[in-house]
Amino acid sequence: GAVRRPPRRLRRGRSPPMSAEQAPAAPAPRAESLGALLRMWWPLLLGNVLEWYEFGVYGYLSQEMSANFFDGSSVATWLGFSVTFMMRPVGGFVFGWFADRFGRRVACLVTMFGMLVATVGQGLVPTASCCGERARTAGLVLLLCLRVLQGVSVGGEIGPLVSYFAESAPHGFAALGTSFFLSSAVVAFMLASAAVQVELALLGEERMTAWGWRVPYLASLVPGILTMWGRSKLPETPEFLLMKEALEREEREAAGALADDVVDGKPLASKAVAAEEGARQSPGAARMNRVGVLRILREHSLSVLVGFGSSAGGCCAFYSSIWAAAHQANRGLSEGQALWLSTLLMPSVLVAGVISAWVSDRYFDSDSLPAHTVGAVILAAVAFPVHIVLAAFPGNFWVAFATLSIIFGSATGFAISQSYHFCAELFPTNVRALGFGLTFNLAMSYIGGTSSLVESALDLEWHVAPGAYISALGLVSTAALLWCRRLRAQGRLPRYAPTGAEAIATVVEQAAGAQNEPAEHAGMRVDV
């Protein structure tokens, strides 16, 4: 009468045990250094540059877009900017589910195609200046439709992309590797600002408004095609392949158990039928087929709340920096000086973001929580005073440069840099892309995407009100991150931390452990 041990349950975020024969021989080529990683990631990074480049171009061309499509209304122009963000969650839900079901690589390829069509298409829409007054309404409708497509594509891109980064980064580079998402976004805004500034200097305001605004959109065609080609060659991430292997093995086991059984009172006709029925009835397949959003809200509600709240401040600050720089043209600076503020602000965001990620990898074993918390506190403390100074010295370029480009830019980098990696670690592999869409993507859409519209309205009432708004959201993020620390201490919010390399090591360990187990335990299924 030996006592039978209960089945071993898998630690959250890990792949189930498998034999050495069952383990995938070569999930995907792994980068062993940061340089090798960049050589593997270049199609993802270039695509992300083009994604954010489009947002930057629209923001920096706000005056030209307003004159051609919105009858000079600043609020309507920024409302058109916000339309894209309203659609991002739709793309996040659809392509997040798609990426968790079929893979990160395919999802990134499809979303890149949508972004390329939307960006180039915006440079081809008709306007009254080129096609007569009858084309004005048609051009506006086409512009908004293309921005909707852009929003769906970008919202669908971010979850699979960050999941790919988090799951393929080498050990010790997880936070820094994931921060490349922010770094490429910063590079994109710098390119957009430089392109608009150079073109404005060459063409002048009149020709820029008439047709020059189209050129930055059309310029994305060639690099977009190059990105599509590069992404078609990418491998899938190791963690996703391990998860897929586990589910397929589970289906095979269910099919084997049914091969000599009956279904609905009728004997199974063949092994093929058994395999099909096993795939349908296996618990893993059932979990994959459930409504993803409802499942995450039910099983990972704390992760969703913490992820959304922790991202709110950084997302708002990132897009507020674009609005604030462009808005200085209404406060006494020339359009060229306002563009210079934007161009000089982005390096501050980049440097602060890299420092924050390096600290997380170097001193906290790639745990983003400490650095993310410090960044939220800095943002809450800095945003309001910066806007007080800007209101006190309107039209002063050097004051705006010191406060907005340097101080506020650095605070923004510290606040948003670790949001990507932090939110990715809130969810296990099989729901990571969709979970990211429900946290960071929602915050980026409804907090960051509407920030320019909200702050334009607040500025009409009180010039320092936008700073108060950003600081308040910084406090919200700080509270969410402190709550996360407490939940972790209580064991209620796990950190799903292993990268692809660690997942493969786990498989080896578990396979060795399975060989040493008594025979009666070797075939037990473990939930994933």
Protein backbone atom coordinates (compact mmCIF):
# COMPACT_ATOMS: atom_id res chain seq x y z
CA GLY A 1 0.00 0.00 0.00
CA ALA A 2 2.33 2.72 -1.15
CA VAL A 3 0.70 6.12 -1.06
CA ARG A 4 0.25 7.58 -4.53
CA ARG A 5 1.61 11.09 -4.82
CA PRO A 6 -0.64 13.71 -6.37
CA PRO A 7 0.34 14.94 -9.83
CA ARG A 8 3.09 17.50 -9.87
CA ARG A 9 1.82 20.87 -10.95
CA LEU A 10 3.92 23.13 -13.04
CA ARG A 11 5.21 26.33 -11.59
CA ARG A 12 3.44 29.23 -13.27
CA GLY A 13 5.03 30.48 -16.44
CA ARG A 14 6.97 27.26 -17.01
CA SER A 15 6.53 24.67 -19.70
CA PRO A 16 5.39 21.16 -18.68
CA PRO A 17 7.88 18.30 -18.23
CA MET A 18 8.68 16.29 -21.31
CA SER A 19 11.08 13.56 -22.25
CA ALA A 20 14.27 14.28 -24.11
CA GLU A 21 12.72 12.80 -27.26
CA GLN A 22 9.67 15.06 -26.99
CA ALA A 23 11.60 18.29 -26.48
CA PRO A 24 11.92 20.41 -29.63
CA ALA A 25 15.36 19.86 -31.14
CA ALA A 26 15.86 23.43 -32.34
CA PRO A 27 13.05 25.85 -31.40
CA ALA A 28 14.75 28.86 -32.96
CA PRO A 29 18.27 30.24 -33.24
CA ARG A 30 19.18 32.04 -30.04
CA ALA A 31 21.25 35.19 -29.80
CA GLU A 32 24.07 34.83 -27.28
CA SER A 33 24.97 38.52 -27.19
CA LEU A 34 23.27 41.86 -27.57
CA GLY A 35 24.91 42.41 -30.96
CA ALA A 36 23.67 39.08 -32.30
CA LEU A 37 20.24 39.89 -30.92
CA LEU A 38 20.10 43.17 -32.82
CA ARG A 39 21.07 41.39 -36.02
CA MET A 40 18.16 39.00 -35.50
CA TRP A 41 15.68 41.70 -34.43
CA TRP A 42 16.34 44.30 -37.12
CA PRO A 43 13.09 43.63 -39.07
CA LEU A 44 11.08 44.07 -35.88
CA LEU A 45 12.92 47.23 -34.88
CA LEU A 46 12.72 48.78 -38.34
CA GLY A 47 8.99 48.05 -38.49
CA ASN A 48 8.52 49.62 -35.09
CA VAL A 49 10.44 52.70 -36.27
CA LEU A 50 8.06 53.03 -39.22
CA GLU A 51 5.05 52.60 -36.92
CA TRP A 52 6.02 55.46 -34.62
CA TYR A 53 7.41 57.49 -37.51
CA GLU A 54 3.86 57.80 -38.87
CA PHE A 55 2.56 59.08 -35.53
CA GLY A 56 5.39 61.56 -35.33
CA VAL A 57 4.87 62.80 -38.89
CA TYR A 58 1.19 63.48 -38.24
CA GLY A 59 2.01 65.31 -35.01
CA TYR A 60 4.78 67.43 -36.49
CA LEU A 61 2.65 68.19 -39.58
CA SER A 62 -0.34 69.14 -37.43
CA GLN A 63 -0.55 72.64 -38.92
CA GLU A 64 -0.46 71.31 -42.51
CA MET A 65 -2.97 68.53 -41.71
CA SER A 66 -5.23 71.09 -40.05
CA ALA A 67 -5.15 73.40 -43.09
CA ASN A 68 -5.84 70.61 -45.60
CA PHE A 69 -8.42 68.51 -43.77
CA PHE A 70 -9.81 70.20 -40.65
CA ASP A 71 -10.45 73.84 -41.68
CA GLY A 72 -7.73 75.08 -39.34
CA SER A 73 -9.25 73.57 -36.17
CA SER A 74 -6.54 72.45 -33.76
CA VAL A 75 -8.96 70.39 -31.66
CA ALA A 76 -10.33 68.58 -34.74
CA THR A 77 -6.78 67.89 -35.96
CA TRP A 78 -5.78 66.26 -32.68
CA LEU A 79 -9.09 64.41 -32.63
CA GLY A 80 -8.04 62.91 -35.97
CA PHE A 81 -4.75 61.98 -34.31
CA SER A 82 -6.66 60.28 -31.48
CA VAL A 83 -8.83 58.19 -33.83
CA THR A 84 -5.90 55.86 -34.36
CA PHE A 85 -5.58 55.28 -30.66
CA MET A 86 -9.26 54.53 -30.26
CA MET A 87 -8.80 51.56 -32.61
CA ARG A 88 -5.61 50.23 -31.07
CA PRO A 89 -7.41 48.05 -28.50
CA VAL A 90 -9.38 46.38 -31.29
CA GLY A 91 -6.14 45.41 -33.00
CA GLY A 92 -4.65 44.40 -29.66
CA PHE A 93 -7.53 42.01 -28.94
CA VAL A 94 -7.66 40.48 -32.43
CA PHE A 95 -3.96 40.11 -33.10
CA GLY A 96 -3.13 39.38 -29.46
CA TRP A 97 -5.38 36.32 -29.66
CA PHE A 98 -3.93 35.52 -33.10
CA ALA A 99 -0.33 35.72 -31.82
CA ASP A 100 -1.06 33.56 -28.76
CA ARG A 101 -2.74 30.98 -30.99
CA PHE A 102 -0.63 30.94 -34.17
CA GLY A 103 2.65 32.61 -33.24
CA ARG A 104 4.33 35.98 -32.80
CA ARG A 105 6.16 35.94 -36.16
CA VAL A 106 3.05 35.62 -38.35
CA ALA A 107 1.18 38.29 -36.35
CA CYS A 108 4.07 40.75 -36.75
CA LEU A 109 4.13 40.13 -40.51
CA VAL A 110 0.39 40.75 -40.99
CA THR A 111 0.31 43.90 -38.86
CA MET A 112 3.31 45.34 -40.72
CA PHE A 113 1.44 45.01 -44.01
CA GLY A 114 -1.52 46.93 -42.55
CA MET A 115 0.72 49.70 -41.23
CA LEU A 116 2.50 50.06 -44.56
CA VAL A 117 -0.76 50.41 -46.49
CA ALA A 118 -2.10 52.96 -44.00
CA THR A 119 1.06 55.10 -43.89
CA VAL A 120 1.68 55.28 -47.64
CA GLY A 121 -2.05 55.70 -48.28
CA GLN A 122 -2.19 58.86 -46.16
CA GLY A 123 0.30 60.45 -48.51
CA LEU A 124 -2.02 59.76 -51.48
CA VAL A 125 -5.38 61.06 -50.22
CA PRO A 126 -6.96 63.88 -52.28
CA THR A 127 -7.27 67.43 -50.96
CA ALA A 128 -8.99 70.60 -52.13
CA SER A 129 -5.66 72.14 -53.21
CA CYS A 130 -4.93 69.34 -55.70
CA CYS A 131 -8.35 68.00 -56.71
CA GLY A 132 -10.86 70.78 -56.05
CA GLU A 133 -13.37 71.42 -53.30
CA ARG A 134 -15.35 68.27 -54.05
CA ALA A 135 -12.35 66.20 -52.98
CA ARG A 136 -12.14 67.78 -49.50
CA THR A 137 -14.80 65.55 -47.91
CA ALA A 138 -13.64 62.43 -49.71
CA GLY A 139 -10.07 63.12 -48.62
CA LEU A 140 -11.10 63.57 -44.99
CA VAL A 141 -13.08 60.31 -45.01
CA LEU A 142 -10.19 58.41 -46.62
CA LEU A 143 -7.73 59.92 -44.15
CA LEU A 144 -9.82 58.82 -41.17
CA CYS A 145 -10.31 55.32 -42.62
CA LEU A 146 -6.57 54.94 -43.12
CA ARG A 147 -5.93 56.13 -39.58
CA VAL A 148 -8.40 53.51 -38.35
CA LEU A 149 -6.45 50.85 -40.26
CA GLN A 150 -3.23 52.25 -38.80
CA GLY A 151 -4.68 52.01 -35.30
CA VAL A 152 -5.81 48.40 -35.72
CA SER A 153 -2.44 47.41 -37.19
CA VAL A 154 -0.35 49.22 -34.59
CA GLY A 155 -2.52 47.93 -31.74
CA GLY A 156 -2.12 44.42 -33.10
CA GLU A 157 1.64 44.84 -33.52
CA ILE A 158 2.62 45.86 -30.02
CA GLY A 159 1.59 42.73 -28.09
CA PRO A 160 3.26 40.18 -30.41
CA LEU A 161 6.30 42.42 -30.82
CA VAL A 162 6.96 42.94 -27.11
CA SER A 163 6.26 39.24 -26.49
CA TYR A 164 8.84 38.37 -29.15
CA PHE A 165 11.38 40.69 -27.54
CA ALA A 166 10.74 39.38 -24.02
CA GLU A 167 10.81 35.72 -25.05
CA SER A 168 13.94 35.81 -27.22
CA ALA A 169 16.22 38.17 -25.26
CA PRO A 170 19.39 36.59 -23.80
CA HIS A 171 19.62 36.08 -20.06
CA GLY A 172 20.66 39.32 -18.38
CA PHE A 173 19.36 41.47 -21.24
CA ALA A 174 15.59 41.03 -20.84
CA ALA A 175 14.80 44.57 -19.64
CA LEU A 176 17.31 46.23 -21.97
CA GLY A 177 16.23 44.09 -24.92
CA THR A 178 12.56 44.91 -24.40
CA SER A 179 13.41 48.59 -24.00
CA PHE A 180 14.54 48.55 -27.64
CA PHE A 181 10.85 48.96 -28.38
CA LEU A 182 10.99 52.40 -26.76
CA SER A 183 14.40 53.14 -28.28
CA SER A 184 13.14 52.48 -31.81
CA ALA A 185 10.09 54.66 -31.10
CA VAL A 186 12.37 57.50 -30.01
CA VAL A 187 14.49 57.09 -33.14
CA ALA A 188 11.28 57.22 -35.18
CA PHE A 189 10.18 60.51 -33.66
CA MET A 190 13.64 61.96 -34.18
CA LEU A 191 13.54 60.91 -37.85
CA ALA A 192 10.03 62.31 -38.28
CA SER A 193 10.96 65.61 -36.67
CA ALA A 194 14.18 65.90 -38.71
CA ALA A 195 12.42 65.00 -41.97
CA VAL A 196 9.68 67.58 -41.45
CA GLN A 197 12.16 70.22 -40.33
CA VAL A 198 14.50 69.73 -43.32
CA GLU A 199 11.63 69.68 -45.78
CA LEU A 200 10.11 72.81 -44.25
CA ALA A 201 13.43 74.60 -44.64
CA LEU A 202 13.75 73.51 -48.27
CA LEU A 203 10.17 74.11 -49.43
CA GLY A 204 8.85 76.86 -47.19
CA GLU A 205 5.48 76.94 -45.47
CA GLU A 206 3.36 77.56 -48.59
CA ARG A 207 4.61 74.60 -50.65
CA MET A 208 4.78 72.47 -47.53
CA THR A 209 1.06 73.05 -46.94
CA ALA A 210 0.16 72.56 -50.61
CA TRP A 211 1.93 69.23 -51.30
CA GLY A 212 5.12 68.86 -49.28
CA TRP A 213 3.30 67.22 -46.35
CA ARG A 214 2.81 64.10 -48.50
CA VAL A 215 6.51 63.32 -48.89
CA PRO A 216 7.23 62.03 -45.33
CA TYR A 217 4.34 59.55 -45.62
CA LEU A 218 5.39 58.27 -49.05
CA ALA A 219 9.03 57.93 -47.95
CA SER A 220 8.08 54.93 -45.78
CA LEU A 221 7.34 52.70 -48.81
CA VAL A 222 10.85 51.31 -49.45
CA PRO A 223 11.84 50.63 -45.82
CA GLY A 224 8.37 49.15 -45.28
CA ILE A 225 8.88 46.61 -48.08
CA LEU A 226 12.34 45.80 -46.67
CA THR A 227 10.78 45.20 -43.27
CA MET A 228 8.16 42.85 -44.73
CA TRP A 229 10.92 40.80 -46.35
CA GLY A 230 12.96 40.66 -43.15
CA ARG A 231 10.03 39.61 -40.98
CA SER A 232 9.16 36.79 -43.36
CA LYS A 233 12.57 35.26 -42.49
CA LEU A 234 12.23 35.47 -38.70
CA PRO A 235 12.05 32.32 -36.55
CA GLU A 236 9.37 31.79 -33.94
CA THR A 237 10.25 32.37 -30.26
CA PRO A 238 11.42 29.36 -28.20
CA GLU A 239 8.84 29.85 -25.47
CA PHE A 240 5.93 29.85 -27.91
CA LEU A 241 7.20 26.69 -29.61
CA LEU A 242 7.58 24.98 -26.23
CA MET A 243 4.02 25.92 -25.32
CA LYS A 244 2.75 24.71 -28.69
CA GLU A 245 4.63 21.43 -28.27
CA ALA A 246 3.06 20.94 -24.85
CA LEU A 247 -0.45 21.47 -26.21
CA GLU A 248 0.16 19.16 -29.15
CA ARG A 249 1.46 16.46 -26.81
CA GLU A 250 -1.60 16.90 -24.64
CA GLU A 251 -3.81 16.42 -27.71
CA ARG A 252 -1.90 13.26 -28.66
CA GLU A 253 -2.36 11.88 -25.15
CA ALA A 254 -6.08 12.65 -25.26
CA ALA A 255 -6.33 10.99 -28.68
CA GLY A 256 -4.54 7.90 -27.38
CA ALA A 257 -6.91 7.62 -24.45
CA LEU A 258 -9.88 7.82 -26.83
CA ALA A 259 -8.55 5.41 -29.45
CA ASP A 260 -10.08 2.38 -27.73
CA ASP A 261 -13.02 4.28 -26.28
CA VAL A 262 -16.29 5.62 -27.56
CA VAL A 263 -17.58 9.11 -28.21
CA ASP A 264 -21.24 9.89 -27.52
CA GLY A 265 -21.96 6.16 -27.22
CA LYS A 266 -20.42 5.29 -30.62
CA PRO A 267 -17.07 3.58 -31.22
CA LEU A 268 -14.43 5.71 -32.89
CA ALA A 269 -13.94 4.65 -36.50
CA SER A 270 -10.21 5.22 -36.82
CA LYS A 271 -7.11 6.67 -35.25
CA ALA A 272 -7.58 9.77 -37.38
CA VAL A 273 -11.00 10.32 -35.85
CA ALA A 274 -9.53 9.70 -32.41
CA ALA A 275 -6.82 12.26 -33.03
CA GLU A 276 -9.35 14.85 -34.17
CA GLU A 277 -11.60 14.19 -31.19
CA GLY A 278 -8.64 14.21 -28.83
CA ALA A 279 -7.57 17.59 -30.14
CA ARG A 280 -11.07 18.89 -29.57
CA GLN A 281 -11.45 17.45 -26.07
CA SER A 282 -7.96 18.02 -24.67
CA PRO A 283 -7.89 20.56 -21.80
CA GLY A 284 -5.10 22.51 -23.49
CA ALA A 285 -7.09 22.92 -26.69
CA ALA A 286 -10.16 23.88 -24.71
CA ARG A 287 -8.22 26.63 -22.97
CA MET A 288 -6.84 27.91 -26.28
CA ASN A 289 -10.33 28.03 -27.78
CA ARG A 290 -11.98 29.98 -24.98
CA VAL A 291 -12.77 33.64 -25.41
CA GLY A 292 -9.33 35.08 -24.65
CA VAL A 293 -10.39 38.44 -23.22
CA LEU A 294 -12.90 36.91 -20.80
CA ARG A 295 -10.38 34.33 -19.68
CA ILE A 296 -7.73 36.93 -18.92
CA LEU A 297 -10.18 39.17 -17.08
CA ARG A 298 -11.25 36.20 -14.97
CA GLU A 299 -7.89 34.52 -14.31
CA HIS A 300 -5.53 37.53 -14.44
CA SER A 301 -7.68 40.42 -13.25
CA LEU A 302 -5.02 41.70 -10.85
CA SER A 303 -2.43 41.68 -13.64
CA VAL A 304 -4.75 43.68 -15.89
CA LEU A 305 -5.44 46.32 -13.22
CA VAL A 306 -1.79 46.66 -12.21
CA GLY A 307 -0.56 46.72 -15.82
CA PHE A 308 -3.03 49.39 -16.93
CA GLY A 309 -2.49 51.60 -13.87
CA SER A 310 1.30 51.32 -13.94
CA SER A 311 1.42 52.32 -17.63
CA ALA A 312 -0.95 55.31 -17.42
CA GLY A 313 1.58 57.95 -16.38
CA GLY A 314 4.34 57.02 -18.83
CA CYS A 315 1.96 56.65 -21.78
CA CYS A 316 0.44 60.05 -21.10
CA ALA A 317 3.85 61.70 -20.71
CA PHE A 318 5.21 60.20 -23.93
CA TYR A 319 2.50 61.68 -26.14
CA SER A 320 2.23 64.83 -24.05
CA SER A 321 5.84 65.57 -24.91
CA ILE A 322 4.90 65.67 -28.61
CA TRP A 323 1.91 67.90 -27.96
CA ALA A 324 3.80 70.21 -25.59
CA ALA A 325 6.63 70.78 -28.06
CA ALA A 326 4.26 71.47 -30.95
CA HIS A 327 2.13 73.67 -28.69
CA GLN A 328 5.05 76.01 -28.05
CA ALA A 329 4.48 77.34 -31.58
CA ASN A 330 1.28 78.83 -30.18
CA ARG A 331 3.14 80.34 -27.23
CA GLY A 332 5.60 82.55 -29.10
CA LEU A 333 8.10 80.16 -30.72
CA SER A 334 8.41 79.68 -34.46
CA GLU A 335 7.40 76.35 -36.03
CA GLY A 336 11.07 75.60 -36.64
CA GLN A 337 11.97 76.22 -32.99
CA ALA A 338 9.10 73.99 -31.85
CA LEU A 339 10.37 71.21 -34.11
CA TRP A 340 13.85 71.62 -32.64
CA LEU A 341 12.38 71.18 -29.15
CA SER A 342 10.82 67.89 -30.27
CA THR A 343 14.03 66.73 -31.92
CA LEU A 344 16.12 67.51 -28.83
CA LEU A 345 13.57 66.03 -26.42
CA MET A 346 13.76 62.50 -27.83
CA PRO A 347 17.46 61.84 -26.98
CA SER A 348 16.61 62.62 -23.34
CA VAL A 349 13.85 60.01 -23.43
CA LEU A 350 16.20 57.51 -25.05
CA VAL A 351 19.11 57.98 -22.61
CA ALA A 352 16.88 57.85 -19.53
CA GLY A 353 15.11 54.73 -20.86
CA VAL A 354 18.37 52.88 -21.51
CA ILE A 355 19.70 53.78 -18.05
CA SER A 356 16.51 52.51 -16.41
CA ALA A 357 16.65 49.22 -18.34
CA TRP A 358 20.36 48.75 -17.61
CA VAL A 359 19.76 49.22 -13.89
CA SER A 360 16.97 46.62 -13.97
CA ASP A 361 19.20 44.05 -15.69
CA ARG A 362 22.34 44.84 -13.73
CA TYR A 363 21.03 45.14 -10.17
CA PHE A 364 17.56 43.54 -10.07
CA ASP A 365 17.93 40.40 -12.21
CA SER A 366 15.81 41.97 -15.00
CA ASP A 367 12.95 42.68 -12.58
CA SER A 368 11.43 45.92 -13.88
CA LEU A 369 9.36 46.75 -10.80
CA PRO A 370 11.94 48.80 -8.81
CA ALA A 371 13.10 50.99 -11.72
CA HIS A 372 9.54 51.36 -12.99
CA THR A 373 8.40 52.59 -9.57
CA VAL A 374 11.20 55.16 -9.38
CA GLY A 375 10.29 56.40 -12.86
CA ALA A 376 6.64 56.91 -11.91
CA VAL A 377 7.67 58.89 -8.82
CA ILE A 378 10.00 61.11 -10.89
CA LEU A 379 7.25 61.84 -13.41
CA ALA A 380 4.73 62.74 -10.71
CA ALA A 381 7.24 65.13 -9.13
CA VAL A 382 8.45 66.80 -12.35
CA ALA A 383 5.52 67.31 -14.74
CA PHE A 384 3.61 70.04 -12.88
CA PRO A 385 6.66 72.26 -12.08
CA VAL A 386 7.84 72.01 -15.70
CA HIS A 387 4.55 73.38 -16.99
CA ILE A 388 4.58 76.15 -14.38
CA VAL A 389 7.97 77.30 -15.70
CA LEU A 390 6.80 77.04 -19.34
CA ALA A 391 3.77 79.20 -18.53
CA ALA A 392 5.94 81.77 -16.72
CA PHE A 393 8.37 82.15 -19.66
CA PRO A 394 6.31 81.89 -22.89
CA GLY A 395 8.27 82.16 -26.13
CA ASN A 396 11.66 81.56 -24.49
CA PHE A 397 13.41 78.81 -26.45
CA TRP A 398 16.18 78.12 -23.94
CA VAL A 399 13.82 77.83 -20.99
CA ALA A 400 11.65 75.47 -23.01
CA PHE A 401 14.72 73.47 -24.01
CA ALA A 402 15.94 73.06 -20.42
CA THR A 403 12.57 72.24 -18.88
CA LEU A 404 10.77 70.40 -21.67
CA SER A 405 13.50 68.78 -23.77
CA ILE A 406 15.88 67.88 -20.92
CA ILE A 407 13.97 67.57 -17.62
CA PHE A 408 10.56 66.44 -18.83
CA GLY A 409 12.10 64.25 -21.57
CA SER A 410 14.26 62.43 -19.01
CA ALA A 411 11.31 61.97 -16.64
CA THR A 412 9.28 60.51 -19.52
CA GLY A 413 12.05 58.04 -20.37
CA PHE A 414 12.31 56.84 -16.78
CA ALA A 415 8.52 56.53 -16.51
CA ILE A 416 7.78 54.57 -19.69
CA SER A 417 10.94 52.56 -20.40
CA GLN A 418 10.11 49.60 -18.15
CA SER A 419 6.37 49.51 -18.88
CA TYR A 420 6.88 47.12 -21.79
CA HIS A 421 8.89 44.50 -19.93
CA PHE A 422 6.89 44.90 -16.74
CA CYS A 423 3.55 44.27 -18.48
CA ALA A 424 4.98 41.35 -20.47
CA GLU A 425 5.97 39.65 -17.20
CA LEU A 426 2.47 39.97 -15.79
CA PHE A 427 1.19 37.16 -18.05
CA PRO A 428 2.29 33.60 -18.96
CA THR A 429 3.37 32.70 -22.46
CA ASN A 430 0.03 31.39 -23.73
CA VAL A 431 -1.79 34.70 -23.05
CA ARG A 432 1.10 37.17 -23.03
CA ALA A 433 0.36 39.01 -26.28
CA LEU A 434 -3.33 39.37 -25.51
CA GLY A 435 -2.65 40.29 -21.87
CA PHE A 436 -0.23 42.98 -22.99
CA GLY A 437 -2.98 44.33 -25.23
CA LEU A 438 -5.31 44.62 -22.25
CA THR A 439 -2.80 46.53 -20.13
CA PHE A 440 -0.15 48.66 -21.83
CA ASN A 441 -2.02 48.86 -25.13
CA LEU A 442 -5.21 50.10 -23.46
CA ALA A 443 -3.26 52.67 -21.46
CA MET A 444 -1.40 53.81 -24.57
CA SER A 445 -4.69 54.09 -26.47
CA TYR A 446 -7.05 55.72 -24.02
CA ILE A 447 -4.58 57.62 -21.83
CA GLY A 448 -1.69 58.36 -24.17
CA GLY A 449 -3.72 58.65 -27.36
CA THR A 450 -6.17 61.16 -25.89
CA SER A 451 -3.55 63.16 -23.98
CA SER A 452 -3.11 65.77 -26.73
CA LEU A 453 -6.87 66.28 -26.97
CA VAL A 454 -7.35 66.48 -23.20
CA GLU A 455 -4.40 68.81 -22.72
CA SER A 456 -5.51 71.10 -25.55
CA ALA A 457 -8.83 71.50 -23.76
CA LEU A 458 -7.19 71.95 -20.33
CA ASP A 459 -4.78 74.53 -21.72
CA LEU A 460 -7.70 76.73 -22.75
CA GLU A 461 -8.71 77.00 -19.10
CA TRP A 462 -5.32 77.13 -17.38
CA HIS A 463 -1.88 76.95 -18.98
CA VAL A 464 -0.39 74.75 -16.24
CA ALA A 465 -3.37 72.35 -16.09
CA PRO A 466 -1.73 69.85 -18.52
CA GLY A 467 1.17 69.48 -16.09
CA ALA A 468 -1.20 68.82 -13.21
CA TYR A 469 -2.93 66.15 -15.30
CA ILE A 470 0.35 64.36 -16.09
CA SER A 471 1.52 64.52 -12.46
CA ALA A 472 -1.81 63.07 -11.29
CA LEU A 473 -1.40 60.13 -13.66
CA GLY A 474 2.17 59.70 -12.42
CA LEU A 475 0.72 59.28 -8.93
CA VAL A 476 -1.76 56.70 -10.26
CA SER A 477 1.14 54.69 -11.73
CA THR A 478 3.09 54.98 -8.49
CA ALA A 479 0.14 53.65 -6.50
CA ALA A 480 -0.35 50.73 -8.93
CA LEU A 481 3.31 49.74 -8.71
CA LEU A 482 3.36 49.91 -4.90
CA TRP A 483 0.22 47.77 -4.90
CA CYS A 484 2.02 45.30 -7.19
CA ARG A 485 4.89 45.07 -4.71
CA ARG A 486 2.45 44.22 -1.94
CA LEU A 487 0.60 41.65 -4.07
CA ARG A 488 3.89 39.96 -4.92
CA ALA A 489 4.84 39.79 -1.26
CA GLN A 490 1.48 38.13 -0.55
CA GLY A 491 1.98 35.63 -3.38
CA ARG A 492 -1.12 36.86 -5.23
CA LEU A 493 0.59 38.25 -8.35
CA PRO A 494 3.36 36.04 -9.77
CA ARG A 495 6.09 37.30 -12.05
CA TYR A 496 6.20 35.23 -15.26
CA ALA A 497 9.85 35.91 -15.81
CA PRO A 498 11.64 33.13 -17.76
CA THR A 499 13.01 34.01 -21.17
CA GLY A 500 13.28 31.56 -24.02
CA ALA A 501 16.73 30.42 -22.92
CA GLU A 502 15.53 29.76 -19.38
CA ALA A 503 12.48 27.90 -20.71
CA ILE A 504 14.70 25.55 -22.70
CA ALA A 505 16.85 24.97 -19.62
CA THR A 506 13.69 24.20 -17.69
CA VAL A 507 12.72 21.56 -20.24
CA VAL A 508 16.09 19.86 -19.81
CA GLU A 509 15.75 19.89 -16.01
CA GLN A 510 12.22 18.57 -16.09
CA ALA A 511 13.04 15.88 -18.64
CA ALA A 512 15.87 14.68 -16.39
CA GLY A 513 13.55 14.75 -13.39
CA ALA A 514 10.89 12.80 -15.26
CA GLN A 515 13.37 10.02 -16.08
CA ASN A 516 14.13 9.59 -12.37
CA GLU A 517 10.49 9.41 -11.31
CA PRO A 518 8.65 6.16 -10.60
CA ALA A 519 6.91 4.83 -13.71
CA GLU A 520 3.49 5.52 -12.29
CA HIS A 521 4.16 9.28 -12.28
CA ALA A 522 6.05 9.63 -15.55
CA GLY A 523 3.04 10.07 -17.78
CA MET A 524 0.99 12.41 -15.62
CA ARG A 525 -0.30 15.52 -17.35
CA VAL A 526 0.60 18.90 -15.98
CA ASP A 527 -1.61 21.92 -16.64
CA VAL A 528 -0.07 24.71 -18.68
